[in-house]
Amino acid sequence: MFRDSGVFEGSPDDLRNGFVHLSGAARLRKTVEKHFAGAAELVLVALDAASLGASLRWEVSRGGAKFPHLYGSLPMGAVRGITPLRRESDGIFLFPPEIP
């Protein structure tokens, strides 16, 4: 769907909140554990943050941590890679080695 349209407008949560929720590599595992543990399938989308310009803002969230929020559509041109995440036998998602 994202590849067909060329843009991602956001999930229902994103649309309700007014921005696309993103995660930096350092917080990615915790984000997946908290918000996507029950997902049947997940893909990791690597972005060129600089290409998003002023639409990308790092904002303080609960607990004082900063998270990237994209105010606007995510264009396919900002995507640098898409990696399907597989699960281990215990159900935990496997991440590429470059994700801490």
PDB file of N, CA and C in Angstrom:
ATOM      1  N   MET A   1       0.815  -1.182   0.000  1.00  0.00           N
ATOM      2  CA  MET A   1       0.000   0.000   0.000  1.00  0.00           C
ATOM      3  C   MET A   1       0.872   1.265   0.000  1.00  0.00           C
ATOM      4  N   PHE A   2       1.839   1.354   0.922  1.00  0.00           N
ATOM      5  CA  PHE A   2       2.745   2.498   1.003  1.00  0.00           C
ATOM      6  C   PHE A   2       3.529   2.639  -0.296  1.00  0.00           C
ATOM      7  N   ARG A   3       4.029   1.519  -0.772  1.00  0.00           N
ATOM      8  CA  ARG A   3       4.809   1.554  -2.018  1.00  0.00           C
ATOM      9  C   ARG A   3       3.952   1.949  -3.212  1.00  0.00           C
ATOM     10  N   ASP A   4       2.702   1.526  -3.229  1.00  0.00           N
ATOM     11  CA  ASP A   4       1.808   1.841  -4.349  1.00  0.00           C
ATOM     12  C   ASP A   4       1.456   3.324  -4.402  1.00  0.00           C
ATOM     13  N   SER A   5       1.150   3.909  -3.253  1.00  0.00           N
ATOM     14  CA  SER A   5       0.709   5.307  -3.231  1.00  0.00           C
ATOM     15  C   SER A   5       1.876   6.289  -3.236  1.00  0.00           C
ATOM     16  N   GLY A   6       3.048   5.862  -2.767  1.00  0.00           N
ATOM     17  CA  GLY A   6       4.215   6.743  -2.719  1.00  0.00           C
ATOM     18  C   GLY A   6       4.307   7.586  -1.461  1.00  0.00           C
ATOM     19  N   VAL A   7       3.288   7.522  -0.598  1.00  0.00           N
ATOM     20  CA  VAL A   7       3.312   8.255   0.673  1.00  0.00           C
ATOM     21  C   VAL A   7       2.609   7.435   1.748  1.00  0.00           C
ATOM     22  N   PHE A   8       2.988   7.679   2.975  1.00  0.00           N
ATOM     23  CA  PHE A   8       2.312   7.077   4.129  1.00  0.00           C
ATOM     24  C   PHE A   8       1.709   8.223   4.918  1.00  0.00           C
ATOM     25  N   GLU A   9       0.395   8.206   5.055  1.00  0.00           N
ATOM     26  CA  GLU A   9      -0.318   9.274   5.754  1.00  0.00           C
ATOM     27  C   GLU A   9      -0.340   9.051   7.266  1.00  0.00           C
ATOM     28  N   GLY A  10      -0.120   7.817   7.690  1.00  0.00           N
ATOM     29  CA  GLY A  10      -0.096   7.521   9.105  1.00  0.00           C
ATOM     30  C   GLY A  10      -1.103   6.450   9.486  1.00  0.00           C
ATOM     31  N   SER A  11      -0.867   5.871  10.640  1.00  0.00           N
ATOM     32  CA  SER A  11      -1.771   4.872  11.208  1.00  0.00           C
ATOM     33  C   SER A  11      -2.975   5.603  11.808  1.00  0.00           C
ATOM     34  N   PRO A  12      -3.994   4.873  12.235  1.00  0.00           N
ATOM     35  CA  PRO A  12      -5.108   5.538  12.930  1.00  0.00           C
ATOM     36  C   PRO A  12      -4.643   6.354  14.143  1.00  0.00           C
ATOM     37  N   ASP A  13      -3.665   5.838  14.903  1.00  0.00           N
ATOM     38  CA  ASP A  13      -3.121   6.602  16.036  1.00  0.00           C
ATOM     39  C   ASP A  13      -2.438   7.877  15.556  1.00  0.00           C
ATOM     40  N   ASP A  14      -1.652   7.767  14.478  1.00  0.00           N
ATOM     41  CA  ASP A  14      -0.964   8.937  13.928  1.00  0.00           C
ATOM     42  C   ASP A  14      -1.970  10.005  13.505  1.00  0.00           C
ATOM     43  N   LEU A  15      -2.985   9.578  12.783  1.00  0.00           N
ATOM     44  CA  LEU A  15      -3.988  10.514  12.289  1.00  0.00           C
ATOM     45  C   LEU A  15      -4.721  11.203  13.444  1.00  0.00           C
ATOM     46  N   ARG A  16      -5.003  10.455  14.501  1.00  0.00           N
ATOM     47  CA  ARG A  16      -5.666  11.020  15.674  1.00  0.00           C
ATOM     48  C   ARG A  16      -4.760  12.030  16.381  1.00  0.00           C
ATOM     49  N   ASN A  17      -3.454  11.735  16.449  1.00  0.00           N
ATOM     50  CA  ASN A  17      -2.517  12.610  17.168  1.00  0.00           C
ATOM     51  C   ASN A  17      -1.984  13.772  16.325  1.00  0.00           C
ATOM     52  N   GLY A  18      -2.151  13.709  15.007  1.00  0.00           N
ATOM     53  CA  GLY A  18      -1.724  14.806  14.151  1.00  0.00           C
ATOM     54  C   GLY A  18      -0.298  14.721  13.658  1.00  0.00           C
ATOM     55  N   PHE A  19       0.355  13.578  13.869  1.00  0.00           N
ATOM     56  CA  PHE A  19       1.719  13.378  13.375  1.00  0.00           C
ATOM     57  C   PHE A  19       1.999  11.884  13.260  1.00  0.00           C
ATOM     58  N   VAL A  20       2.993  11.540  12.441  1.00  0.00           N
ATOM     59  CA  VAL A  20       3.417  10.150  12.300  1.00  0.00           C
ATOM     60  C   VAL A  20       4.444   9.867  13.398  1.00  0.00           C
ATOM     61  N   HIS A  21       4.159   8.857  14.207  1.00  0.00           N
ATOM     62  CA  HIS A  21       5.078   8.460  15.273  1.00  0.00           C
ATOM     63  C   HIS A  21       6.244   7.688  14.657  1.00  0.00           C
ATOM     64  N   LEU A  22       7.448   8.089  14.981  1.00  0.00           N
ATOM     65  CA  LEU A  22       8.651   7.389  14.531  1.00  0.00           C
ATOM     66  C   LEU A  22       9.461   7.009  15.759  1.00  0.00           C
ATOM     67  N   SER A  23      10.548   6.288  15.545  1.00  0.00           N
ATOM     68  CA  SER A  23      11.418   5.914  16.651  1.00  0.00           C
ATOM     69  C   SER A  23      12.849   5.924  16.162  1.00  0.00           C
ATOM     70  N   GLY A  24      13.747   6.419  17.003  1.00  0.00           N
ATOM     71  CA  GLY A  24      15.164   6.340  16.710  1.00  0.00           C
ATOM     72  C   GLY A  24      15.674   4.932  16.976  1.00  0.00           C
ATOM     73  N   ALA A  25      16.803   4.603  16.399  1.00  0.00           N
ATOM     74  CA  ALA A  25      17.358   3.248  16.527  1.00  0.00           C
ATOM     75  C   ALA A  25      17.571   2.851  17.987  1.00  0.00           C
ATOM     76  N   ALA A  26      18.002   3.787  18.818  1.00  0.00           N
ATOM     77  CA  ALA A  26      18.309   3.474  20.213  1.00  0.00           C
ATOM     78  C   ALA A  26      17.067   3.063  21.010  1.00  0.00           C
ATOM     79  N   ARG A  27      15.890   3.486  20.592  1.00  0.00           N
ATOM     80  CA  ARG A  27      14.658   3.178  21.330  1.00  0.00           C
ATOM     81  C   ARG A  27      13.749   2.206  20.585  1.00  0.00           C
ATOM     82  N   LEU A  28      14.208   1.716  19.470  1.00  0.00           N
ATOM     83  CA  LEU A  28      13.360   0.903  18.610  1.00  0.00           C
ATOM     84  C   LEU A  28      12.875  -0.378  19.287  1.00  0.00           C
ATOM     85  N   ARG A  29      13.754  -1.104  19.925  1.00  0.00           N
ATOM     86  CA  ARG A  29      13.348  -2.361  20.584  1.00  0.00           C
ATOM     87  C   ARG A  29      12.256  -2.116  21.628  1.00  0.00           C
ATOM     88  N   LYS A  30      12.430  -1.101  22.455  1.00  0.00           N
ATOM     89  CA  LYS A  30      11.433  -0.786  23.489  1.00  0.00           C
ATOM     90  C   LYS A  30      10.104  -0.380  22.859  1.00  0.00           C
ATOM     91  N   THR A  31      10.170   0.381  21.764  1.00  0.00           N
ATOM     92  CA  THR A  31       8.949   0.790  21.071  1.00  0.00           C
ATOM     93  C   THR A  31       8.195  -0.419  20.546  1.00  0.00           C
ATOM     94  N   VAL A  32       8.905  -1.358  19.947  1.00  0.00           N
ATOM     95  CA  VAL A  32       8.264  -2.569  19.416  1.00  0.00           C
ATOM     96  C   VAL A  32       7.672  -3.393  20.550  1.00  0.00           C
ATOM     97  N   GLU A  33       8.423  -3.566  21.628  1.00  0.00           N
ATOM     98  CA  GLU A  33       7.918  -4.336  22.775  1.00  0.00           C
ATOM     99  C   GLU A  33       6.647  -3.717  23.339  1.00  0.00           C
ATOM    100  N   LYS A  34       6.607  -2.403  23.447  1.00  0.00           N
ATOM    101  CA  LYS A  34       5.480  -1.717  24.076  1.00  0.00           C
ATOM    102  C   LYS A  34       4.260  -1.615  23.169  1.00  0.00           C
ATOM    103  N   HIS A  35       4.479  -1.316  21.893  1.00  0.00           N
ATOM    104  CA  HIS A  35       3.349  -0.988  21.021  1.00  0.00           C
ATOM    105  C   HIS A  35       3.025  -2.025  19.952  1.00  0.00           C
ATOM    106  N   PHE A  36       3.959  -2.951  19.662  1.00  0.00           N
ATOM    107  CA  PHE A  36       3.746  -3.863  18.541  1.00  0.00           C
ATOM    108  C   PHE A  36       3.998  -5.326  18.871  1.00  0.00           C
ATOM    109  N   ALA A  37       4.066  -5.677  20.128  1.00  0.00           N
ATOM    110  CA  ALA A  37       4.369  -7.061  20.526  1.00  0.00           C
ATOM    111  C   ALA A  37       3.373  -8.056  19.949  1.00  0.00           C
ATOM    112  N   GLY A  38       2.123  -7.674  19.817  1.00  0.00           N
ATOM    113  CA  GLY A  38       1.103  -8.577  19.311  1.00  0.00           C
ATOM    114  C   GLY A  38       0.917  -8.537  17.805  1.00  0.00           C
ATOM    115  N   ALA A  39       1.724  -7.755  17.113  1.00  0.00           N
ATOM    116  CA  ALA A  39       1.579  -7.635  15.657  1.00  0.00           C
ATOM    117  C   ALA A  39       1.937  -8.944  14.967  1.00  0.00           C
ATOM    118  N   ALA A  40       1.159  -9.313  13.982  1.00  0.00           N
ATOM    119  CA  ALA A  40       1.445 -10.533  13.224  1.00  0.00           C
ATOM    120  C   ALA A  40       2.679 -10.351  12.350  1.00  0.00           C
ATOM    121  N   GLU A  41       2.818  -9.173  11.764  1.00  0.00           N
ATOM    122  CA  GLU A  41       3.956  -8.874  10.893  1.00  0.00           C
ATOM    123  C   GLU A  41       4.412  -7.453  11.154  1.00  0.00           C
ATOM    124  N   LEU A  42       5.717  -7.241  11.046  1.00  0.00           N
ATOM    125  CA  LEU A  42       6.280  -5.899  11.161  1.00  0.00           C
ATOM    126  C   LEU A  42       7.368  -5.725  10.116  1.00  0.00           C
ATOM    127  N   VAL A  43       7.519  -4.493   9.654  1.00  0.00           N
ATOM    128  CA  VAL A  43       8.654  -4.158   8.801  1.00  0.00           C
ATOM    129  C   VAL A  43       9.358  -2.964   9.424  1.00  0.00           C
ATOM    130  N   LEU A  44      10.661  -2.966   9.315  1.00  0.00           N
ATOM    131  CA  LEU A  44      11.491  -1.872   9.780  1.00  0.00           C
ATOM    132  C   LEU A  44      11.760  -0.979   8.578  1.00  0.00           C
ATOM    133  N   VAL A  45      11.403   0.293   8.689  1.00  0.00           N
ATOM    134  CA  VAL A  45      11.591   1.238   7.599  1.00  0.00           C
ATOM    135  C   VAL A  45      12.671   2.229   8.031  1.00  0.00           C
ATOM    136  N   ALA A  46      13.807   2.209   7.346  1.00  0.00           N
ATOM    137  CA  ALA A  46      14.898   3.144   7.622  1.00  0.00           C
ATOM    138  C   ALA A  46      14.682   4.393   6.779  1.00  0.00           C
ATOM    139  N   LEU A  47      14.814   5.550   7.419  1.00  0.00           N
ATOM    140  CA  LEU A  47      14.538   6.813   6.753  1.00  0.00           C
ATOM    141  C   LEU A  47      15.776   7.695   6.668  1.00  0.00           C
ATOM    142  N   ASP A  48      15.788   8.568   5.667  1.00  0.00           N
ATOM    143  CA  ASP A  48      16.768   9.644   5.575  1.00  0.00           C
ATOM    144  C   ASP A  48      16.134  10.838   6.281  1.00  0.00           C
ATOM    145  N   ALA A  49      16.457  11.006   7.548  1.00  0.00           N
ATOM    146  CA  ALA A  49      15.821  12.047   8.359  1.00  0.00           C
ATOM    147  C   ALA A  49      16.053  13.435   7.785  1.00  0.00           C
ATOM    148  N   ALA A  50      17.223  13.684   7.248  1.00  0.00           N
ATOM    149  CA  ALA A  50      17.528  15.015   6.715  1.00  0.00           C
ATOM    150  C   ALA A  50      16.586  15.397   5.575  1.00  0.00           C
ATOM    151  N   SER A  51      16.130  14.412   4.812  1.00  0.00           N
ATOM    152  CA  SER A  51      15.250  14.712   3.681  1.00  0.00           C
ATOM    153  C   SER A  51      13.843  15.132   4.121  1.00  0.00           C
ATOM    154  N   LEU A  52      13.521  14.929   5.392  1.00  0.00           N
ATOM    155  CA  LEU A  52      12.190  15.287   5.892  1.00  0.00           C
ATOM    156  C   LEU A  52      12.106  16.746   6.330  1.00  0.00           C
ATOM    157  N   GLY A  53      13.251  17.388   6.460  1.00  0.00           N
ATOM    158  CA  GLY A  53      13.291  18.816   6.770  1.00  0.00           C
ATOM    159  C   GLY A  53      12.605  19.166   8.077  1.00  0.00           C
ATOM    160  N   ALA A  54      11.962  20.334   8.070  1.00  0.00           N
ATOM    161  CA  ALA A  54      11.333  20.865   9.276  1.00  0.00           C
ATOM    162  C   ALA A  54      10.083  20.089   9.690  1.00  0.00           C
ATOM    163  N   SER A  55       9.606  19.199   8.833  1.00  0.00           N
ATOM    164  CA  SER A  55       8.439  18.375   9.181  1.00  0.00           C
ATOM    165  C   SER A  55       8.767  17.372  10.279  1.00  0.00           C
ATOM    166  N   LEU A  56      10.051  17.053  10.427  1.00  0.00           N
ATOM    167  CA  LEU A  56      10.494  16.101  11.453  1.00  0.00           C
ATOM    168  C   LEU A  56      10.928  16.885  12.685  1.00  0.00           C
ATOM    169  N   ARG A  57      10.288  16.577  13.808  1.00  0.00           N
ATOM    170  CA  ARG A  57      10.617  17.258  15.061  1.00  0.00           C
ATOM    171  C   ARG A  57      10.860  16.224  16.148  1.00  0.00           C
ATOM    172  N   TRP A  58      11.942  16.409  16.904  1.00  0.00           N
ATOM    173  CA  TRP A  58      12.218  15.558  18.059  1.00  0.00           C
ATOM    174  C   TRP A  58      11.569  16.235  19.258  1.00  0.00           C
ATOM    175  N   GLU A  59      10.576  15.560  19.837  1.00  0.00           N
ATOM    176  CA  GLU A  59       9.808  16.144  20.921  1.00  0.00           C
ATOM    177  C   GLU A  59       9.855  15.270  22.161  1.00  0.00           C
ATOM    178  N   VAL A  60       9.792  15.921  23.312  1.00  0.00           N
ATOM    179  CA  VAL A  60       9.824  15.216  24.591  1.00  0.00           C
ATOM    180  C   VAL A  60       8.511  14.472  24.786  1.00  0.00           C
ATOM    181  N   SER A  61       8.644  13.204  25.159  1.00  0.00           N
ATOM    182  CA  SER A  61       7.488  12.357  25.422  1.00  0.00           C
ATOM    183  C   SER A  61       7.477  12.026  26.912  1.00  0.00           C
ATOM    184  N   ARG A  62       6.577  11.118  27.287  1.00  0.00           N
ATOM    185  CA  ARG A  62       6.530  10.703  28.691  1.00  0.00           C
ATOM    186  C   ARG A  62       7.899  10.219  29.144  1.00  0.00           C
ATOM    187  N   GLY A  63       8.262  10.551  30.349  1.00  0.00           N
ATOM    188  CA  GLY A  63       9.531  10.113  30.896  1.00  0.00           C
ATOM    189  C   GLY A  63      10.697  10.980  30.468  1.00  0.00           C
ATOM    190  N   GLY A  64      10.448  12.014  29.681  1.00  0.00           N
ATOM    191  CA  GLY A  64      11.503  12.930  29.289  1.00  0.00           C
ATOM    192  C   GLY A  64      12.303  12.530  28.066  1.00  0.00           C
ATOM    193  N   ALA A  65      12.047  11.366  27.506  1.00  0.00           N
ATOM    194  CA  ALA A  65      12.776  10.924  26.314  1.00  0.00           C
ATOM    195  C   ALA A  65      12.264  11.680  25.090  1.00  0.00           C
ATOM    196  N   LYS A  66      13.161  11.918  24.138  1.00  0.00           N
ATOM    197  CA  LYS A  66      12.762  12.585  22.899  1.00  0.00           C
ATOM    198  C   LYS A  66      12.479  11.550  21.817  1.00  0.00           C
ATOM    199  N   PHE A  67      11.378  11.779  21.107  1.00  0.00           N
ATOM    200  CA  PHE A  67      10.972  10.900  20.010  1.00  0.00           C
ATOM    201  C   PHE A  67      10.761  11.730  18.757  1.00  0.00           C
ATOM    202  N   PRO A  68      11.059  11.146  17.594  1.00  0.00           N
ATOM    203  CA  PRO A  68      10.819  11.855  16.343  1.00  0.00           C
ATOM    204  C   PRO A  68       9.353  11.762  15.929  1.00  0.00           C
ATOM    205  N   HIS A  69       8.783  12.909  15.613  1.00  0.00           N
ATOM    206  CA  HIS A  69       7.406  13.000  15.129  1.00  0.00           C
ATOM    207  C   HIS A  69       7.440  13.693  13.781  1.00  0.00           C
ATOM    208  N   LEU A  70       6.745  13.128  12.822  1.00  0.00           N
ATOM    209  CA  LEU A  70       6.695  13.692  11.477  1.00  0.00           C
ATOM    210  C   LEU A  70       5.351  14.367  11.281  1.00  0.00           C
ATOM    211  N   TYR A  71       5.372  15.664  11.099  1.00  0.00           N
ATOM    212  CA  TYR A  71       4.158  16.447  10.866  1.00  0.00           C
ATOM    213  C   TYR A  71       3.949  16.568   9.364  1.00  0.00           C
ATOM    214  N   GLY A  72       3.207  15.635   8.829  1.00  0.00           N
ATOM    215  CA  GLY A  72       2.950  15.570   7.397  1.00  0.00           C
ATOM    216  C   GLY A  72       3.072  14.134   6.924  1.00  0.00           C
ATOM    217  N   SER A  73       2.949  13.946   5.647  1.00  0.00           N
ATOM    218  CA  SER A  73       3.036  12.613   5.052  1.00  0.00           C
ATOM    219  C   SER A  73       4.490  12.166   4.958  1.00  0.00           C
ATOM    220  N   LEU A  74       4.683  10.877   5.051  1.00  0.00           N
ATOM    221  CA  LEU A  74       6.004  10.289   4.872  1.00  0.00           C
ATOM    222  C   LEU A  74       6.156   9.900   3.406  1.00  0.00           C
ATOM    223  N   PRO A  75       7.033  10.593   2.658  1.00  0.00           N
ATOM    224  CA  PRO A  75       7.194  10.276   1.241  1.00  0.00           C
ATOM    225  C   PRO A  75       8.094   9.056   1.035  1.00  0.00           C
ATOM    226  N   MET A  76       7.770   8.245   0.070  1.00  0.00           N
ATOM    227  CA  MET A  76       8.573   7.062  -0.241  1.00  0.00           C
ATOM    228  C   MET A  76      10.027   7.453  -0.540  1.00  0.00           C
ATOM    229  N   GLY A  77      10.237   8.646  -1.073  1.00  0.00           N
ATOM    230  CA  GLY A  77      11.593   9.110  -1.388  1.00  0.00           C
ATOM    231  C   GLY A  77      12.494   9.234  -0.174  1.00  0.00           C
ATOM    232  N   ALA A  78      11.928   9.319   1.031  1.00  0.00           N
ATOM    233  CA  ALA A  78      12.728   9.415   2.248  1.00  0.00           C
ATOM    234  C   ALA A  78      13.153   8.041   2.770  1.00  0.00           C
ATOM    235  N   VAL A  79      12.606   6.989   2.187  1.00  0.00           N
ATOM    236  CA  VAL A  79      12.888   5.625   2.645  1.00  0.00           C
ATOM    237  C   VAL A  79      14.224   5.152   2.082  1.00  0.00           C
ATOM    238  N   ARG A  80      15.087   4.686   2.973  1.00  0.00           N
ATOM    239  CA  ARG A  80      16.404   4.165   2.586  1.00  0.00           C
ATOM    240  C   ARG A  80      16.479   2.648   2.655  1.00  0.00           C
ATOM    241  N   GLY A  81      15.487   2.038   3.267  1.00  0.00           N
ATOM    242  CA  GLY A  81      15.456   0.583   3.342  1.00  0.00           C
ATOM    243  C   GLY A  81      14.212   0.087   4.045  1.00  0.00           C
ATOM    244  N   ILE A  82      13.763  -1.088   3.622  1.00  0.00           N
ATOM    245  CA  ILE A  82      12.614  -1.745   4.248  1.00  0.00           C
ATOM    246  C   ILE A  82      13.020  -3.186   4.536  1.00  0.00           C
ATOM    247  N   THR A  83      12.950  -3.562   5.807  1.00  0.00           N
ATOM    248  CA  THR A  83      13.370  -4.892   6.235  1.00  0.00           C
ATOM    249  C   THR A  83      12.245  -5.571   6.995  1.00  0.00           C
ATOM    250  N   PRO A  84      11.687  -6.661   6.474  1.00  0.00           N
ATOM    251  CA  PRO A  84      10.692  -7.412   7.258  1.00  0.00           C
ATOM    252  C   PRO A  84      11.364  -7.984   8.514  1.00  0.00           C
ATOM    253  N   LEU A  85      10.693  -7.884   9.642  1.00  0.00           N
ATOM    254  CA  LEU A  85      11.227  -8.437  10.885  1.00  0.00           C
ATOM    255  C   LEU A  85      10.640  -9.825  11.109  1.00  0.00           C
ATOM    256  N   ARG A  86      11.518 -10.782  11.330  1.00  0.00           N
ATOM    257  CA  ARG A  86      11.085 -12.142  11.639  1.00  0.00           C
ATOM    258  C   ARG A  86      11.052 -12.318  13.148  1.00  0.00           C
ATOM    259  N   ARG A  87      10.322 -13.341  13.575  1.00  0.00           N
ATOM    260  CA  ARG A  87      10.244 -13.647  15.008  1.00  0.00           C
ATOM    261  C   ARG A  87      11.140 -14.835  15.350  1.00  0.00           C
ATOM    262  N   GLU A  88      11.683 -14.791  16.554  1.00  0.00           N
ATOM    263  CA  GLU A  88      12.401 -15.938  17.096  1.00  0.00           C
ATOM    264  C   GLU A  88      11.360 -16.962  17.542  1.00  0.00           C
ATOM    265  N   SER A  89      11.808 -18.140  17.911  1.00  0.00           N
ATOM    266  CA  SER A  89      10.878 -19.192  18.329  1.00  0.00           C
ATOM    267  C   SER A  89      10.073 -18.789  19.562  1.00  0.00           C
ATOM    268  N   ASP A  90      10.618 -17.879  20.388  1.00  0.00           N
ATOM    269  CA  ASP A  90       9.881 -17.423  21.580  1.00  0.00           C
ATOM    270  C   ASP A  90       8.937 -16.261  21.281  1.00  0.00           C
ATOM    271  N   GLY A  91       8.841 -15.856  19.994  1.00  0.00           N
ATOM    272  CA  GLY A  91       7.920 -14.804  19.598  1.00  0.00           C
ATOM    273  C   GLY A  91       8.509 -13.406  19.565  1.00  0.00           C
ATOM    274  N   ILE A  92       9.733 -13.256  20.033  1.00  0.00           N
ATOM    275  CA  ILE A  92      10.382 -11.943  20.037  1.00  0.00           C
ATOM    276  C   ILE A  92      10.882 -11.622  18.629  1.00  0.00           C
ATOM    277  N   PHE A  93      10.666 -10.365  18.189  1.00  0.00           N
ATOM    278  CA  PHE A  93      11.135  -9.963  16.868  1.00  0.00           C
ATOM    279  C   PHE A  93      12.662  -9.894  16.815  1.00  0.00           C
ATOM    280  N   LEU A  94      13.209 -10.349  15.715  1.00  0.00           N
ATOM    281  CA  LEU A  94      14.648 -10.280  15.455  1.00  0.00           C
ATOM    282  C   LEU A  94      14.957  -8.971  14.736  1.00  0.00           C
ATOM    283  N   PHE A  95      15.969  -8.266  15.185  1.00  0.00           N
ATOM    284  CA  PHE A  95      16.378  -7.001  14.575  1.00  0.00           C
ATOM    285  C   PHE A  95      17.705  -7.156  13.854  1.00  0.00           C
ATOM    286  N   PRO A  96      17.942  -6.338  12.849  1.00  0.00           N
ATOM    287  CA  PRO A  96      19.250  -6.355  12.179  1.00  0.00           C
ATOM    288  C   PRO A  96      20.347  -6.019  13.197  1.00  0.00           C
ATOM    289  N   PRO A  97      21.566  -6.483  12.960  1.00  0.00           N
ATOM    290  CA  PRO A  97      22.643  -6.289  13.944  1.00  0.00           C
ATOM    291  C   PRO A  97      22.982  -4.816  14.228  1.00  0.00           C
ATOM    292  N   GLU A  98      22.665  -3.908  13.309  1.00  0.00           N
ATOM    293  CA  GLU A  98      22.990  -2.504  13.546  1.00  0.00           C
ATOM    294  C   GLU A  98      22.027  -1.803  14.509  1.00  0.00           C
ATOM    295  N   ILE A  99      20.957  -2.489  14.908  1.00  0.00           N
ATOM    296  CA  ILE A  99      20.018  -1.913  15.873  1.00  0.00           C
ATOM    297  C   ILE A  99      20.478  -2.314  17.276  1.00  0.00           C
ATOM    298  N   PRO A 100      20.781  -1.305  18.118  1.00  0.00           N
ATOM    299  CA  PRO A 100      21.313  -1.628  19.467  1.00  0.00           C
ATOM    300  C   PRO A 100      20.311  -2.360  20.343  1.00  0.00           C
TER     301      PRO A 100
END
